[in-house]
Amino acid sequence: MNIYEKLAKKYGLNYNSLMVLYTMYEIDICTQKTVCQRYLIPKQTVHSILKEFEKKGYICFEANPSSKREKIIKLTPQGRLFADPVIEKVNYIEEKTMENIGYKNRRNLVESTAAHCEQFEKIFKEVIING
């Protein structure tokens, strides 16, 4: 079980519901599509999580001025009360982890991740695009 799953479980959530909550907390104009794309969670899974959050009074849906089909998801005051300690704990753990590994390791992590992404895209183009 990964750390995010363990943290989610502590707050009565699962990994996917934690990621949905985190996205709504961090992004002002959040839609179901935003969540699905950010964490590659299936649309039906996100929909089910949102309906459960709505039933608990954690979220409400508002009209989206830029799209008649999509609604903006907003945390209610009750949702904010629930989310604050959860997200604050996640952010603290992430920030403290980065602080503890030190500057050199953070720099290496960023450089290695960038190199991996660059090579992945290059090889993807060679294999898939150029066949």
C-alpha atoms as a PDB file:
ATOM      1  CA  MET A   1       0.000   0.000   0.000  1.00  0.00           C
ATOM      2  CA  ASN A   2       1.495   3.354  -0.944  1.00  0.00           C
ATOM      3  CA  ILE A   3       1.778   6.275   1.459  1.00  0.00           C
ATOM      4  CA  TYR A   4      -1.062   8.243  -0.149  1.00  0.00           C
ATOM      5  CA  GLU A   5      -3.375   5.237   0.241  1.00  0.00           C
ATOM      6  CA  LYS A   6      -2.416   4.950   3.915  1.00  0.00           C
ATOM      7  CA  LEU A   7      -3.032   8.646   4.458  1.00  0.00           C
ATOM      8  CA  ALA A   8      -6.367   8.466   2.628  1.00  0.00           C
ATOM      9  CA  LYS A   9      -7.452   5.511   4.747  1.00  0.00           C
ATOM     10  CA  LYS A  10      -6.670   7.443   7.932  1.00  0.00           C
ATOM     11  CA  TYR A  11      -9.311   9.996   6.871  1.00  0.00           C
ATOM     12  CA  GLY A  12     -11.887   7.462   5.685  1.00  0.00           C
ATOM     13  CA  LEU A  13     -11.005   7.912   2.022  1.00  0.00           C
ATOM     14  CA  ASN A  14      -9.434   5.819  -0.700  1.00  0.00           C
ATOM     15  CA  TYR A  15      -6.614   6.925  -2.989  1.00  0.00           C
ATOM     16  CA  ASN A  16      -8.897   8.157  -5.768  1.00  0.00           C
ATOM     17  CA  SER A  17     -11.148  10.141  -3.436  1.00  0.00           C
ATOM     18  CA  LEU A  18      -8.056  11.737  -1.863  1.00  0.00           C
ATOM     19  CA  MET A  19      -6.830  12.803  -5.305  1.00  0.00           C
ATOM     20  CA  VAL A  20     -10.271  14.223  -6.172  1.00  0.00           C
ATOM     21  CA  LEU A  21     -10.338  16.141  -2.886  1.00  0.00           C
ATOM     22  CA  TYR A  22      -6.786  17.378  -3.405  1.00  0.00           C
ATOM     23  CA  THR A  23      -7.589  18.625  -6.908  1.00  0.00           C
ATOM     24  CA  MET A  24     -10.712  20.487  -5.787  1.00  0.00           C
ATOM     25  CA  TYR A  25      -8.743  22.023  -2.935  1.00  0.00           C
ATOM     26  CA  GLU A  26      -5.866  23.197  -5.119  1.00  0.00           C
ATOM     27  CA  ILE A  27      -7.720  24.367  -8.257  1.00  0.00           C
ATOM     28  CA  ASP A  28     -10.266  27.179  -8.080  1.00  0.00           C
ATOM     29  CA  ILE A  29     -12.114  26.341 -11.273  1.00  0.00           C
ATOM     30  CA  CYS A  30     -12.238  22.569 -11.040  1.00  0.00           C
ATOM     31  CA  THR A  31     -14.365  20.320 -13.221  1.00  0.00           C
ATOM     32  CA  GLN A  32     -14.785  16.573 -13.396  1.00  0.00           C
ATOM     33  CA  LYS A  33     -12.699  16.624 -16.569  1.00  0.00           C
ATOM     34  CA  THR A  34      -9.889  18.442 -14.729  1.00  0.00           C
ATOM     35  CA  VAL A  35      -9.713  15.700 -12.111  1.00  0.00           C
ATOM     36  CA  CYS A  36      -9.868  12.892 -14.667  1.00  0.00           C
ATOM     37  CA  GLN A  37      -7.047  14.371 -16.733  1.00  0.00           C
ATOM     38  CA  ARG A  38      -4.830  15.296 -13.799  1.00  0.00           C
ATOM     39  CA  TYR A  39      -4.741  11.839 -12.204  1.00  0.00           C
ATOM     40  CA  LEU A  40      -5.939   9.604 -15.054  1.00  0.00           C
ATOM     41  CA  ILE A  41      -8.921   8.478 -12.987  1.00  0.00           C
ATOM     42  CA  PRO A  42     -11.840   7.115 -15.037  1.00  0.00           C
ATOM     43  CA  LYS A  43     -14.762   9.501 -15.492  1.00  0.00           C
ATOM     44  CA  GLN A  44     -17.254   7.135 -13.836  1.00  0.00           C
ATOM     45  CA  THR A  45     -15.008   6.734 -10.785  1.00  0.00           C
ATOM     46  CA  VAL A  46     -14.699  10.506 -10.383  1.00  0.00           C
ATOM     47  CA  HIS A  47     -18.457  10.890 -10.889  1.00  0.00           C
ATOM     48  CA  SER A  48     -19.162   8.354  -8.126  1.00  0.00           C
ATOM     49  CA  ILE A  49     -16.743  10.078  -5.745  1.00  0.00           C
ATOM     50  CA  LEU A  50     -18.302  13.474  -6.466  1.00  0.00           C
ATOM     51  CA  LYS A  51     -21.800  12.138  -5.846  1.00  0.00           C
ATOM     52  CA  GLU A  52     -20.646  10.713  -2.503  1.00  0.00           C
ATOM     53  CA  PHE A  53     -19.001  14.023  -1.561  1.00  0.00           C
ATOM     54  CA  GLU A  54     -22.178  15.862  -2.569  1.00  0.00           C
ATOM     55  CA  LYS A  55     -24.290  13.517  -0.432  1.00  0.00           C
ATOM     56  CA  LYS A  56     -22.022  14.277   2.558  1.00  0.00           C
ATOM     57  CA  GLY A  57     -22.391  18.014   1.915  1.00  0.00           C
ATOM     58  CA  TYR A  58     -18.702  18.478   1.035  1.00  0.00           C
ATOM     59  CA  ILE A  59     -19.234  19.885  -2.462  1.00  0.00           C
ATOM     60  CA  CYS A  60     -21.706  21.709  -4.632  1.00  0.00           C
ATOM     61  CA  PHE A  61     -21.880  22.219  -8.363  1.00  0.00           C
ATOM     62  CA  GLU A  62     -22.018  25.627 -10.029  1.00  0.00           C
ATOM     63  CA  ALA A  63     -22.705  26.672 -13.599  1.00  0.00           C
ATOM     64  CA  ASN A  64     -19.591  27.004 -15.715  1.00  0.00           C
ATOM     65  CA  PRO A  65     -19.726  30.223 -17.751  1.00  0.00           C
ATOM     66  CA  SER A  66     -17.292  28.802 -20.306  1.00  0.00           C
ATOM     67  CA  SER A  67     -19.131  25.493 -20.819  1.00  0.00           C
ATOM     68  CA  LYS A  68     -22.822  24.700 -20.543  1.00  0.00           C
ATOM     69  CA  ARG A  69     -22.128  20.963 -20.294  1.00  0.00           C
ATOM     70  CA  GLU A  70     -19.523  21.040 -17.524  1.00  0.00           C
ATOM     71  CA  LYS A  71     -20.150  22.169 -13.976  1.00  0.00           C
ATOM     72  CA  ILE A  72     -17.607  23.725 -11.660  1.00  0.00           C
ATOM     73  CA  ILE A  73     -17.069  21.733  -8.472  1.00  0.00           C
ATOM     74  CA  LYS A  74     -16.753  23.793  -5.293  1.00  0.00           C
ATOM     75  CA  LEU A  75     -16.007  22.761  -1.747  1.00  0.00           C
ATOM     76  CA  THR A  76     -18.731  23.834   0.658  1.00  0.00           C
ATOM     77  CA  PRO A  77     -17.813  25.278   4.059  1.00  0.00           C
ATOM     78  CA  GLN A  78     -18.425  21.785   5.484  1.00  0.00           C
ATOM     79  CA  GLY A  79     -16.217  20.321   2.740  1.00  0.00           C
ATOM     80  CA  ARG A  80     -13.510  22.829   3.527  1.00  0.00           C
ATOM     81  CA  LEU A  81     -13.638  21.825   7.214  1.00  0.00           C
ATOM     82  CA  PHE A  82     -13.175  18.208   6.204  1.00  0.00           C
ATOM     83  CA  ALA A  83     -10.503  18.899   3.574  1.00  0.00           C
ATOM     84  CA  ASP A  84      -8.321  21.392   5.464  1.00  0.00           C
ATOM     85  CA  PRO A  85      -6.641  18.950   7.875  1.00  0.00           C
ATOM     86  CA  VAL A  86      -6.323  16.261   5.198  1.00  0.00           C
ATOM     87  CA  ILE A  87      -4.682  18.485   2.590  1.00  0.00           C
ATOM     88  CA  GLU A  88      -2.574  20.317   5.158  1.00  0.00           C
ATOM     89  CA  LYS A  89      -1.197  16.939   6.284  1.00  0.00           C
ATOM     90  CA  VAL A  90      -0.461  15.869   2.690  1.00  0.00           C
ATOM     91  CA  ASN A  91       1.268  19.182   1.952  1.00  0.00           C
ATOM     92  CA  TYR A  92       3.272  19.021   5.176  1.00  0.00           C
ATOM     93  CA  ILE A  93       4.501  15.492   4.444  1.00  0.00           C
ATOM     94  CA  GLU A  94       5.441  16.399   0.862  1.00  0.00           C
ATOM     95  CA  GLU A  95       7.223  19.614   1.872  1.00  0.00           C
ATOM     96  CA  LYS A  96       9.041  18.020   4.813  1.00  0.00           C
ATOM     97  CA  THR A  97      10.156  15.127   2.600  1.00  0.00           C
ATOM     98  CA  MET A  98      11.655  17.492   0.041  1.00  0.00           C
ATOM     99  CA  GLU A  99      13.287  19.526   2.798  1.00  0.00           C
ATOM    100  CA  ASN A 100      14.784  16.400   4.389  1.00  0.00           C
ATOM    101  CA  ILE A 101      16.304  15.010   1.195  1.00  0.00           C
ATOM    102  CA  GLY A 102      18.279  18.212   0.706  1.00  0.00           C
ATOM    103  CA  TYR A 103      19.004  20.531  -2.176  1.00  0.00           C
ATOM    104  CA  LYS A 104      21.343  18.219  -4.097  1.00  0.00           C
ATOM    105  CA  ASN A 105      18.892  15.310  -4.071  1.00  0.00           C
ATOM    106  CA  ARG A 106      15.995  17.606  -5.048  1.00  0.00           C
ATOM    107  CA  ARG A 107      18.018  18.967  -7.957  1.00  0.00           C
ATOM    108  CA  ASN A 108      18.975  15.425  -9.022  1.00  0.00           C
ATOM    109  CA  LEU A 109      15.339  14.344  -8.775  1.00  0.00           C
ATOM    110  CA  VAL A 110      14.182  17.192 -11.011  1.00  0.00           C
ATOM    111  CA  GLU A 111      16.991  16.633 -13.520  1.00  0.00           C
ATOM    112  CA  SER A 112      16.432  12.865 -13.623  1.00  0.00           C
ATOM    113  CA  THR A 113      12.692  13.277 -14.055  1.00  0.00           C
ATOM    114  CA  ALA A 114      13.227  15.782 -16.860  1.00  0.00           C
ATOM    115  CA  ALA A 115      15.711  13.442 -18.578  1.00  0.00           C
ATOM    116  CA  HIS A 116      13.302  10.519 -18.238  1.00  0.00           C
ATOM    117  CA  CYS A 117      10.412  12.514 -19.724  1.00  0.00           C
ATOM    118  CA  GLU A 118      12.590  13.749 -22.585  1.00  0.00           C
ATOM    119  CA  GLN A 119      13.759  10.223 -23.464  1.00  0.00           C
ATOM    120  CA  PHE A 120      10.272   8.772 -23.075  1.00  0.00           C
ATOM    121  CA  GLU A 121       8.884  11.315 -25.544  1.00  0.00           C
ATOM    122  CA  LYS A 122      11.791  10.794 -27.973  1.00  0.00           C
ATOM    123  CA  ILE A 123      11.381   7.011 -27.986  1.00  0.00           C
ATOM    124  CA  PHE A 124       7.586   7.317 -28.166  1.00  0.00           C
ATOM    125  CA  LYS A 125       7.950   9.408 -31.331  1.00  0.00           C
ATOM    126  CA  GLU A 126      10.438   6.909 -32.803  1.00  0.00           C
ATOM    127  CA  VAL A 127       8.301   3.860 -32.053  1.00  0.00           C
ATOM    128  CA  ILE A 128       4.737   5.144 -32.357  1.00  0.00           C
ATOM    129  CA  ILE A 129       4.753   8.265 -34.515  1.00  0.00           C
ATOM    130  CA  ASN A 130       7.510   7.375 -36.972  1.00  0.00           C
ATOM    131  CA  GLY A 131       6.888   3.639 -36.640  1.00  0.00           C
END
